Amino acid sequence: LMEGISHEACSLAGTLGLGKLIAFWDDNGISIDGE
């Protein structure tokens, strides 16, 4: 989600109404550097 490409792609996915695309965000609040 931090990578800019996710903004580009997910914006277009919404515009195209991709109803059979289902994403799961692992919201754990942790990356390699910490919280």
PDB file of all heavy atoms in Angstrom:
ATOM      1  N   LEU A   1       0.810  -1.210   0.000  1.00  0.00           N
ATOM      2  CA  LEU A   1       0.000   0.000   0.000  1.00  0.00           C
ATOM      3  C   LEU A   1       0.847   1.265   0.000  1.00  0.00           C
ATOM      4  O   LEU A   1       0.409   2.311  -0.481  1.00  0.00           O
ATOM      5  CB  LEU A   1      -0.934   0.008   1.212  1.00  0.00           C
ATOM      6  CG  LEU A   1      -2.012  -1.078   1.206  1.00  0.00           C
ATOM      7  CD1 LEU A   1      -2.776  -1.073   2.517  1.00  0.00           C
ATOM      8  CD2 LEU A   1      -2.967  -0.868   0.035  1.00  0.00           C
ATOM      9  N   MET A   2       2.053   1.196   0.538  1.00  0.00           N
ATOM     10  CA  MET A   2       2.939   2.358   0.509  1.00  0.00           C
ATOM     11  C   MET A   2       3.536   2.572  -0.872  1.00  0.00           C
ATOM     12  O   MET A   2       3.818   3.707  -1.261  1.00  0.00           O
ATOM     13  CB  MET A   2       4.052   2.198   1.551  1.00  0.00           C
ATOM     14  CG  MET A   2       3.607   2.475   2.976  1.00  0.00           C
ATOM     15  SD  MET A   2       4.988   2.434   4.149  1.00  0.00           S
ATOM     16  CE  MET A   2       4.769   0.815   4.864  1.00  0.00           C
ATOM     17  N   GLU A   3       3.762   1.497  -1.612  1.00  0.00           N
ATOM     18  CA  GLU A   3       4.314   1.634  -2.956  1.00  0.00           C
ATOM     19  C   GLU A   3       3.336   2.401  -3.854  1.00  0.00           C
ATOM     20  O   GLU A   3       2.145   2.105  -3.886  1.00  0.00           O
ATOM     21  CB  GLU A   3       4.594   0.255  -3.560  1.00  0.00           C
ATOM     22  CG  GLU A   3       5.719  -0.518  -2.895  1.00  0.00           C
ATOM     23  CD  GLU A   3       7.103   0.020  -3.239  1.00  0.00           C
ATOM     24  OE1 GLU A   3       7.206   1.019  -3.997  1.00  0.00           O
ATOM     25  OE2 GLU A   3       8.089  -0.562  -2.754  1.00  0.00           O
ATOM     26  N   GLY A   4       3.872   3.335  -4.618  1.00  0.00           N
ATOM     27  CA  GLY A   4       3.014   4.189  -5.444  1.00  0.00           C
ATOM     28  C   GLY A   4       2.215   3.441  -6.483  1.00  0.00           C
ATOM     29  O   GLY A   4       1.113   3.863  -6.856  1.00  0.00           O
ATOM     30  N   ILE A   5       2.744   2.299  -6.962  1.00  0.00           N
ATOM     31  CA  ILE A   5       2.037   1.547  -7.989  1.00  0.00           C
ATOM     32  C   ILE A   5       0.663   1.088  -7.514  1.00  0.00           C
ATOM     33  O   ILE A   5      -0.274   0.970  -8.309  1.00  0.00           O
ATOM     34  CB  ILE A   5       2.885   0.343  -8.463  1.00  0.00           C
ATOM     35  CG1 ILE A   5       2.268  -0.302  -9.705  1.00  0.00           C
ATOM     36  CG2 ILE A   5       3.084  -0.673  -7.348  1.00  0.00           C
ATOM     37  CD1 ILE A   5       3.128  -1.386 -10.325  1.00  0.00           C
ATOM     38  N   SER A   6       0.516   0.871  -6.193  1.00  0.00           N
ATOM     39  CA  SER A   6      -0.783   0.431  -5.684  1.00  0.00           C
ATOM     40  C   SER A   6      -1.834   1.516  -5.868  1.00  0.00           C
ATOM     41  O   SER A   6      -3.013   1.215  -6.122  1.00  0.00           O
ATOM     42  CB  SER A   6      -0.683   0.022  -4.213  1.00  0.00           C
ATOM     43  OG  SER A   6      -0.505   1.146  -3.363  1.00  0.00           O
ATOM     44  N   HIS A   7      -1.434   2.774  -5.755  1.00  0.00           N
ATOM     45  CA  HIS A   7      -2.378   3.877  -5.980  1.00  0.00           C
ATOM     46  C   HIS A   7      -2.840   3.876  -7.434  1.00  0.00           C
ATOM     47  O   HIS A   7      -4.032   3.985  -7.729  1.00  0.00           O
ATOM     48  CB  HIS A   7      -1.716   5.210  -5.640  1.00  0.00           C
ATOM     49  CG  HIS A   7      -1.328   5.360  -4.203  1.00  0.00           C
ATOM     50  ND1 HIS A   7      -2.120   6.021  -3.280  1.00  0.00           N
ATOM     51  CD2 HIS A   7      -0.246   4.955  -3.522  1.00  0.00           C
ATOM     52  CE1 HIS A   7      -1.528   6.002  -2.095  1.00  0.00           C
ATOM     53  NE2 HIS A   7      -0.389   5.363  -2.222  1.00  0.00           N
ATOM     54  N   GLU A   8      -1.876   3.756  -8.356  1.00  0.00           N
ATOM     55  CA  GLU A   8      -2.205   3.768  -9.782  1.00  0.00           C
ATOM     56  C   GLU A   8      -3.173   2.637 -10.127  1.00  0.00           C
ATOM     57  O   GLU A   8      -4.201   2.844 -10.775  1.00  0.00           O
ATOM     58  CB  GLU A   8      -0.933   3.621 -10.612  1.00  0.00           C
ATOM     59  CG  GLU A   8       0.082   4.744 -10.458  1.00  0.00           C
ATOM     60  CD  GLU A   8       1.318   4.503 -11.327  1.00  0.00           C
ATOM     61  OE1 GLU A   8       1.202   3.805 -12.353  1.00  0.00           O
ATOM     62  OE2 GLU A   8       2.398   5.013 -10.980  1.00  0.00           O
ATOM     63  N   ALA A   9      -2.826   1.426  -9.705  1.00  0.00           N
ATOM     64  CA  ALA A   9      -3.584   0.245 -10.106  1.00  0.00           C
ATOM     65  C   ALA A   9      -4.970   0.202  -9.455  1.00  0.00           C
ATOM     66  O   ALA A   9      -5.968  -0.113 -10.114  1.00  0.00           O
ATOM     67  CB  ALA A   9      -2.810  -1.018  -9.759  1.00  0.00           C
ATOM     68  N   CYS A  10      -5.023   0.502  -8.162  1.00  0.00           N
ATOM     69  CA  CYS A  10      -6.304   0.377  -7.451  1.00  0.00           C
ATOM     70  C   CYS A  10      -7.269   1.487  -7.843  1.00  0.00           C
ATOM     71  O   CYS A  10      -8.485   1.293  -7.832  1.00  0.00           O
ATOM     72  CB  CYS A  10      -6.059   0.348  -5.949  1.00  0.00           C
ATOM     73  SG  CYS A  10      -5.140  -1.129  -5.425  1.00  0.00           S
ATOM     74  N   SER A  11      -6.744   2.633  -8.213  1.00  0.00           N
ATOM     75  CA  SER A  11      -7.587   3.699  -8.752  1.00  0.00           C
ATOM     76  C   SER A  11      -8.259   3.244 -10.039  1.00  0.00           C
ATOM     77  O   SER A  11      -9.469   3.410 -10.225  1.00  0.00           O
ATOM     78  CB  SER A  11      -6.732   4.951  -9.003  1.00  0.00           C
ATOM     79  OG  SER A  11      -7.424   5.895  -9.792  1.00  0.00           O
ATOM     80  N   LEU A  12      -7.487   2.646 -10.940  1.00  0.00           N
ATOM     81  CA  LEU A  12      -8.052   2.177 -12.206  1.00  0.00           C
ATOM     82  C   LEU A  12      -9.021   1.022 -11.977  1.00  0.00           C
ATOM     83  O   LEU A  12     -10.063   0.938 -12.637  1.00  0.00           O
ATOM     84  CB  LEU A  12      -6.919   1.742 -13.147  1.00  0.00           C
ATOM     85  CG  LEU A  12      -7.341   1.334 -14.561  1.00  0.00           C
ATOM     86  CD1 LEU A  12      -8.050   2.481 -15.279  1.00  0.00           C
ATOM     87  CD2 LEU A  12      -6.137   0.862 -15.370  1.00  0.00           C
ATOM     88  N   ALA A  13      -8.715   0.139 -11.015  1.00  0.00           N
ATOM     89  CA  ALA A  13      -9.605  -0.986 -10.715  1.00  0.00           C
ATOM     90  C   ALA A  13     -10.984  -0.502 -10.289  1.00  0.00           C
ATOM     91  O   ALA A  13     -12.010  -1.077 -10.670  1.00  0.00           O
ATOM     92  CB  ALA A  13      -8.994  -1.866  -9.633  1.00  0.00           C
ATOM     93  N   GLY A  14     -11.013   0.564  -9.483  1.00  0.00           N
ATOM     94  CA  GLY A  14     -12.293   1.119  -9.074  1.00  0.00           C
ATOM     95  C   GLY A  14     -13.051   1.712 -10.247  1.00  0.00           C
ATOM     96  O   GLY A  14     -14.263   1.520 -10.388  1.00  0.00           O
ATOM     97  N   THR A  15     -12.341   2.431 -11.110  1.00  0.00           N
ATOM     98  CA  THR A  15     -12.968   3.048 -12.283  1.00  0.00           C
ATOM     99  C   THR A  15     -13.567   1.997 -13.205  1.00  0.00           C
ATOM    100  O   THR A  15     -14.644   2.206 -13.783  1.00  0.00           O
ATOM    101  CB  THR A  15     -11.929   3.887 -13.052  1.00  0.00           C
ATOM    102  OG1 THR A  15     -11.474   4.943 -12.211  1.00  0.00           O
ATOM    103  CG2 THR A  15     -12.511   4.476 -14.327  1.00  0.00           C
ATOM    104  N   LEU A  16     -12.893   0.862 -13.337  1.00  0.00           N
ATOM    105  CA  LEU A  16     -13.366  -0.192 -14.237  1.00  0.00           C
ATOM    106  C   LEU A  16     -14.396  -1.118 -13.593  1.00  0.00           C
ATOM    107  O   LEU A  16     -14.899  -2.028 -14.243  1.00  0.00           O
ATOM    108  CB  LEU A  16     -12.172  -1.017 -14.739  1.00  0.00           C
ATOM    109  CG  LEU A  16     -11.204  -0.276 -15.661  1.00  0.00           C
ATOM    110  CD1 LEU A  16     -10.010  -1.165 -16.003  1.00  0.00           C
ATOM    111  CD2 LEU A  16     -11.892   0.204 -16.928  1.00  0.00           C
ATOM    112  N   GLY A  17     -14.691  -0.901 -12.312  1.00  0.00           N
ATOM    113  CA  GLY A  17     -15.733  -1.684 -11.646  1.00  0.00           C
ATOM    114  C   GLY A  17     -15.457  -3.172 -11.625  1.00  0.00           C
ATOM    115  O   GLY A  17     -16.319  -3.989 -11.970  1.00  0.00           O
ATOM    116  N   LEU A  18     -14.249  -3.538 -11.182  1.00  0.00           N
ATOM    117  CA  LEU A  18     -13.844  -4.952 -11.204  1.00  0.00           C
ATOM    118  C   LEU A  18     -14.456  -5.706 -10.021  1.00  0.00           C
ATOM    119  O   LEU A  18     -13.814  -5.973  -9.006  1.00  0.00           O
ATOM    120  CB  LEU A  18     -12.319  -5.065 -11.190  1.00  0.00           C
ATOM    121  CG  LEU A  18     -11.595  -4.365 -12.346  1.00  0.00           C
ATOM    122  CD1 LEU A  18     -10.085  -4.528 -12.213  1.00  0.00           C
ATOM    123  CD2 LEU A  18     -12.081  -4.888 -13.691  1.00  0.00           C
ATOM    124  N   GLY A  19     -15.700  -6.092 -10.162  1.00  0.00           N
ATOM    125  CA  GLY A  19     -16.451  -6.696  -9.068  1.00  0.00           C
ATOM    126  C   GLY A  19     -15.953  -8.062  -8.636  1.00  0.00           C
ATOM    127  O   GLY A  19     -16.336  -8.536  -7.562  1.00  0.00           O
ATOM    128  N   LYS A  20     -15.118  -8.707  -9.447  1.00  0.00           N
ATOM    129  CA  LYS A  20     -14.600 -10.026  -9.073  1.00  0.00           C
ATOM    130  C   LYS A  20     -13.160  -9.960  -8.576  1.00  0.00           C
ATOM    131  O   LYS A  20     -12.468 -10.989  -8.529  1.00  0.00           O
ATOM    132  CB  LYS A  20     -14.717 -10.993 -10.253  1.00  0.00           C
ATOM    133  CG  LYS A  20     -16.165 -11.398 -10.525  1.00  0.00           C
ATOM    134  CD  LYS A  20     -16.240 -12.459 -11.596  1.00  0.00           C
ATOM    135  CE  LYS A  20     -17.676 -12.924 -11.790  1.00  0.00           C
ATOM    136  NZ  LYS A  20     -17.770 -13.920 -12.882  1.00  0.00           N
ATOM    137  N   LEU A  21     -12.731  -8.775  -8.187  1.00  0.00           N
ATOM    138  CA  LEU A  21     -11.424  -8.601  -7.558  1.00  0.00           C
ATOM    139  C   LEU A  21     -11.637  -8.374  -6.067  1.00  0.00           C
ATOM    140  O   LEU A  21     -12.336  -7.434  -5.667  1.00  0.00           O
ATOM    141  CB  LEU A  21     -10.693  -7.404  -8.175  1.00  0.00           C
ATOM    142  CG  LEU A  21      -9.380  -6.992  -7.509  1.00  0.00           C
ATOM    143  CD1 LEU A  21      -8.332  -8.099  -7.605  1.00  0.00           C
ATOM    144  CD2 LEU A  21      -8.848  -5.696  -8.131  1.00  0.00           C
ATOM    145  N   ILE A  22     -11.054  -9.243  -5.243  1.00  0.00           N
ATOM    146  CA  ILE A  22     -11.213  -9.145  -3.785  1.00  0.00           C
ATOM    147  C   ILE A  22      -9.822  -9.144  -3.157  1.00  0.00           C
ATOM    148  O   ILE A  22      -9.054 -10.093  -3.320  1.00  0.00           O
ATOM    149  CB  ILE A  22     -12.063 -10.299  -3.234  1.00  0.00           C
ATOM    150  CG1 ILE A  22     -13.456 -10.285  -3.890  1.00  0.00           C
ATOM    151  CG2 ILE A  22     -12.186 -10.199  -1.712  1.00  0.00           C
ATOM    152  CD1 ILE A  22     -14.346 -11.453  -3.475  1.00  0.00           C
ATOM    153  N   ALA A  23      -9.512  -8.055  -2.433  1.00  0.00           N
ATOM    154  CA  ALA A  23      -8.196  -7.894  -1.812  1.00  0.00           C
ATOM    155  C   ALA A  23      -8.318  -7.986  -0.298  1.00  0.00           C
ATOM    156  O   ALA A  23      -9.334  -7.583   0.284  1.00  0.00           O
ATOM    157  CB  ALA A  23      -7.589  -6.548  -2.209  1.00  0.00           C
ATOM    158  N   PHE A  24      -7.273  -8.514   0.328  1.00  0.00           N
ATOM    159  CA  PHE A  24      -7.219  -8.654   1.783  1.00  0.00           C
ATOM    160  C   PHE A  24      -5.983  -7.917   2.280  1.00  0.00           C
ATOM    161  O   PHE A  24      -4.849  -8.300   1.970  1.00  0.00           O
ATOM    162  CB  PHE A  24      -7.114 -10.128   2.191  1.00  0.00           C
ATOM    163  CG  PHE A  24      -8.270 -10.980   1.757  1.00  0.00           C
ATOM    164  CD1 PHE A  24      -8.368 -11.433   0.448  1.00  0.00           C
ATOM    165  CD2 PHE A  24      -9.254 -11.360   2.659  1.00  0.00           C
ATOM    166  CE1 PHE A  24      -9.420 -12.233   0.031  1.00  0.00           C
ATOM    167  CE2 PHE A  24     -10.316 -12.165   2.262  1.00  0.00           C
ATOM    168  CZ  PHE A  24     -10.401 -12.597   0.943  1.00  0.00           C
ATOM    169  N   TRP A  25      -6.189  -6.854   3.052  1.00  0.00           N
ATOM    170  CA  TRP A  25      -5.085  -6.088   3.603  1.00  0.00           C
ATOM    171  C   TRP A  25      -4.706  -6.649   4.968  1.00  0.00           C
ATOM    172  O   TRP A  25      -5.519  -6.697   5.882  1.00  0.00           O
ATOM    173  CB  TRP A  25      -5.479  -4.619   3.711  1.00  0.00           C
ATOM    174  CG  TRP A  25      -4.537  -3.765   4.509  1.00  0.00           C
ATOM    175  CD1 TRP A  25      -3.177  -3.863   4.592  1.00  0.00           C
ATOM    176  CD2 TRP A  25      -4.906  -2.651   5.344  1.00  0.00           C
ATOM    177  NE1 TRP A  25      -2.661  -2.884   5.423  1.00  0.00           N
ATOM    178  CE2 TRP A  25      -3.701  -2.134   5.892  1.00  0.00           C
ATOM    179  CE3 TRP A  25      -6.116  -2.047   5.668  1.00  0.00           C
ATOM    180  CZ2 TRP A  25      -3.699  -1.036   6.765  1.00  0.00           C
ATOM    181  CZ3 TRP A  25      -6.113  -0.955   6.519  1.00  0.00           C
ATOM    182  CH2 TRP A  25      -4.903  -0.457   7.059  1.00  0.00           C
ATOM    183  N   ASP A  26      -3.458  -7.074   5.086  1.00  0.00           N
ATOM    184  CA  ASP A  26      -2.913  -7.571   6.353  1.00  0.00           C
ATOM    185  C   ASP A  26      -2.518  -6.366   7.205  1.00  0.00           C
ATOM    186  O   ASP A  26      -1.379  -5.912   7.186  1.00  0.00           O
ATOM    187  CB  ASP A  26      -1.701  -8.461   6.063  1.00  0.00           C
ATOM    188  CG  ASP A  26      -1.094  -9.062   7.324  1.00  0.00           C
ATOM    189  OD1 ASP A  26      -1.825  -9.200   8.319  1.00  0.00           O
ATOM    190  OD2 ASP A  26       0.112  -9.395   7.297  1.00  0.00           O
ATOM    191  N   ASP A  27      -3.470  -5.862   7.946  1.00  0.00           N
ATOM    192  CA  ASP A  27      -3.279  -4.645   8.745  1.00  0.00           C
ATOM    193  C   ASP A  27      -2.675  -5.013  10.093  1.00  0.00           C
ATOM    194  O   ASP A  27      -3.363  -5.117  11.105  1.00  0.00           O
ATOM    195  CB  ASP A  27      -4.640  -3.942   8.914  1.00  0.00           C
ATOM    196  CG  ASP A  27      -4.549  -2.680   9.751  1.00  0.00           C
ATOM    197  OD1 ASP A  27      -3.435  -2.173   9.956  1.00  0.00           O
ATOM    198  OD2 ASP A  27      -5.613  -2.197  10.210  1.00  0.00           O
ATOM    199  N   ASN A  28      -1.346  -5.231  10.095  1.00  0.00           N
ATOM    200  CA  ASN A  28      -0.689  -5.619  11.348  1.00  0.00           C
ATOM    201  C   ASN A  28       0.171  -4.522  11.953  1.00  0.00           C
ATOM    202  O   ASN A  28       0.733  -4.693  13.031  1.00  0.00           O
ATOM    203  CB  ASN A  28       0.139  -6.901  11.146  1.00  0.00           C
ATOM    204  CG  ASN A  28       1.255  -6.732  10.119  1.00  0.00           C
ATOM    205  OD1 ASN A  28       1.907  -5.699  10.052  1.00  0.00           O
ATOM    206  ND2 ASN A  28       1.487  -7.760   9.322  1.00  0.00           N
ATOM    207  N   GLY A  29       0.296  -3.386  11.257  1.00  0.00           N
ATOM    208  CA  GLY A  29       0.987  -2.232  11.819  1.00  0.00           C
ATOM    209  C   GLY A  29       2.492  -2.359  11.939  1.00  0.00           C
ATOM    210  O   GLY A  29       3.130  -1.537  12.597  1.00  0.00           O
ATOM    211  N   ILE A  30       3.080  -3.395  11.306  1.00  0.00           N
ATOM    212  CA  ILE A  30       4.507  -3.654  11.465  1.00  0.00           C
ATOM    213  C   ILE A  30       5.179  -3.792  10.097  1.00  0.00           C
ATOM    214  O   ILE A  30       4.641  -4.450   9.190  1.00  0.00           O
ATOM    215  CB  ILE A  30       4.754  -4.947  12.269  1.00  0.00           C
ATOM    216  CG1 ILE A  30       4.186  -4.817  13.687  1.00  0.00           C
ATOM    217  CG2 ILE A  30       6.229  -5.306  12.312  1.00  0.00           C
ATOM    218  CD1 ILE A  30       4.914  -3.814  14.570  1.00  0.00           C
ATOM    219  N   SER A  31       6.339  -3.182   9.946  1.00  0.00           N
ATOM    220  CA  SER A  31       7.204  -3.473   8.803  1.00  0.00           C
ATOM    221  C   SER A  31       8.614  -3.749   9.343  1.00  0.00           C
ATOM    222  O   SER A  31       8.812  -3.796  10.552  1.00  0.00           O
ATOM    223  CB  SER A  31       7.195  -2.325   7.785  1.00  0.00           C
ATOM    224  OG  SER A  31       7.777  -1.159   8.308  1.00  0.00           O
ATOM    225  N   ILE A  32       9.569  -3.926   8.461  1.00  0.00           N
ATOM    226  CA  ILE A  32      10.895  -4.337   8.911  1.00  0.00           C
ATOM    227  C   ILE A  32      11.490  -3.357   9.914  1.00  0.00           C
ATOM    228  O   ILE A  32      12.127  -3.754  10.900  1.00  0.00           O
ATOM    229  CB  ILE A  32      11.834  -4.514   7.706  1.00  0.00           C
ATOM    230  CG1 ILE A  32      11.416  -5.758   6.907  1.00  0.00           C
ATOM    231  CG2 ILE A  32      13.292  -4.685   8.165  1.00  0.00           C
ATOM    232  CD1 ILE A  32      12.236  -5.987   5.660  1.00  0.00           C
ATOM    233  N   ASP A  33      11.254  -2.059   9.686  1.00  0.00           N
ATOM    234  CA  ASP A  33      11.851  -1.049  10.562  1.00  0.00           C
ATOM    235  C   ASP A  33      11.132  -0.887  11.890  1.00  0.00           C
ATOM    236  O   ASP A  33      11.626  -0.196  12.781  1.00  0.00           O
ATOM    237  CB  ASP A  33      11.891   0.306   9.848  1.00  0.00           C
ATOM    238  CG  ASP A  33      13.037   0.407   8.854  1.00  0.00           C
ATOM    239  OD1 ASP A  33      13.805  -0.562   8.749  1.00  0.00           O
ATOM    240  OD2 ASP A  33      13.152   1.451   8.177  1.00  0.00           O
ATOM    241  N   GLY A  34       9.959  -1.489  12.038  1.00  0.00           N
ATOM    242  CA  GLY A  34       9.224  -1.391  13.298  1.00  0.00           C
ATOM    243  C   GLY A  34       7.766  -1.043  13.081  1.00  0.00           C
ATOM    244  O   GLY A  34       7.164  -1.424  12.074  1.00  0.00           O
ATOM    245  N   GLU A  35       7.186  -0.295  14.020  1.00  0.00           N
ATOM    246  CA  GLU A  35       5.770   0.068  13.934  1.00  0.00           C
ATOM    247  C   GLU A  35       5.583   1.141  12.863  1.00  0.00           C
ATOM    248  O   GLU A  35       6.230   2.193  12.899  1.00  0.00           O
ATOM    249  CB  GLU A  35       5.278   0.558  15.301  1.00  0.00           C
ATOM    250  CG  GLU A  35       5.338  -0.519  16.375  1.00  0.00           C
ATOM    251  CD  GLU A  35       4.819  -0.045  17.729  1.00  0.00           C
ATOM    252  OE1 GLU A  35       4.264   1.072  17.783  1.00  0.00           O
ATOM    253  OE2 GLU A  35       4.959  -0.793  18.712  1.00  0.00           O
TER     254      GLU A  35
END
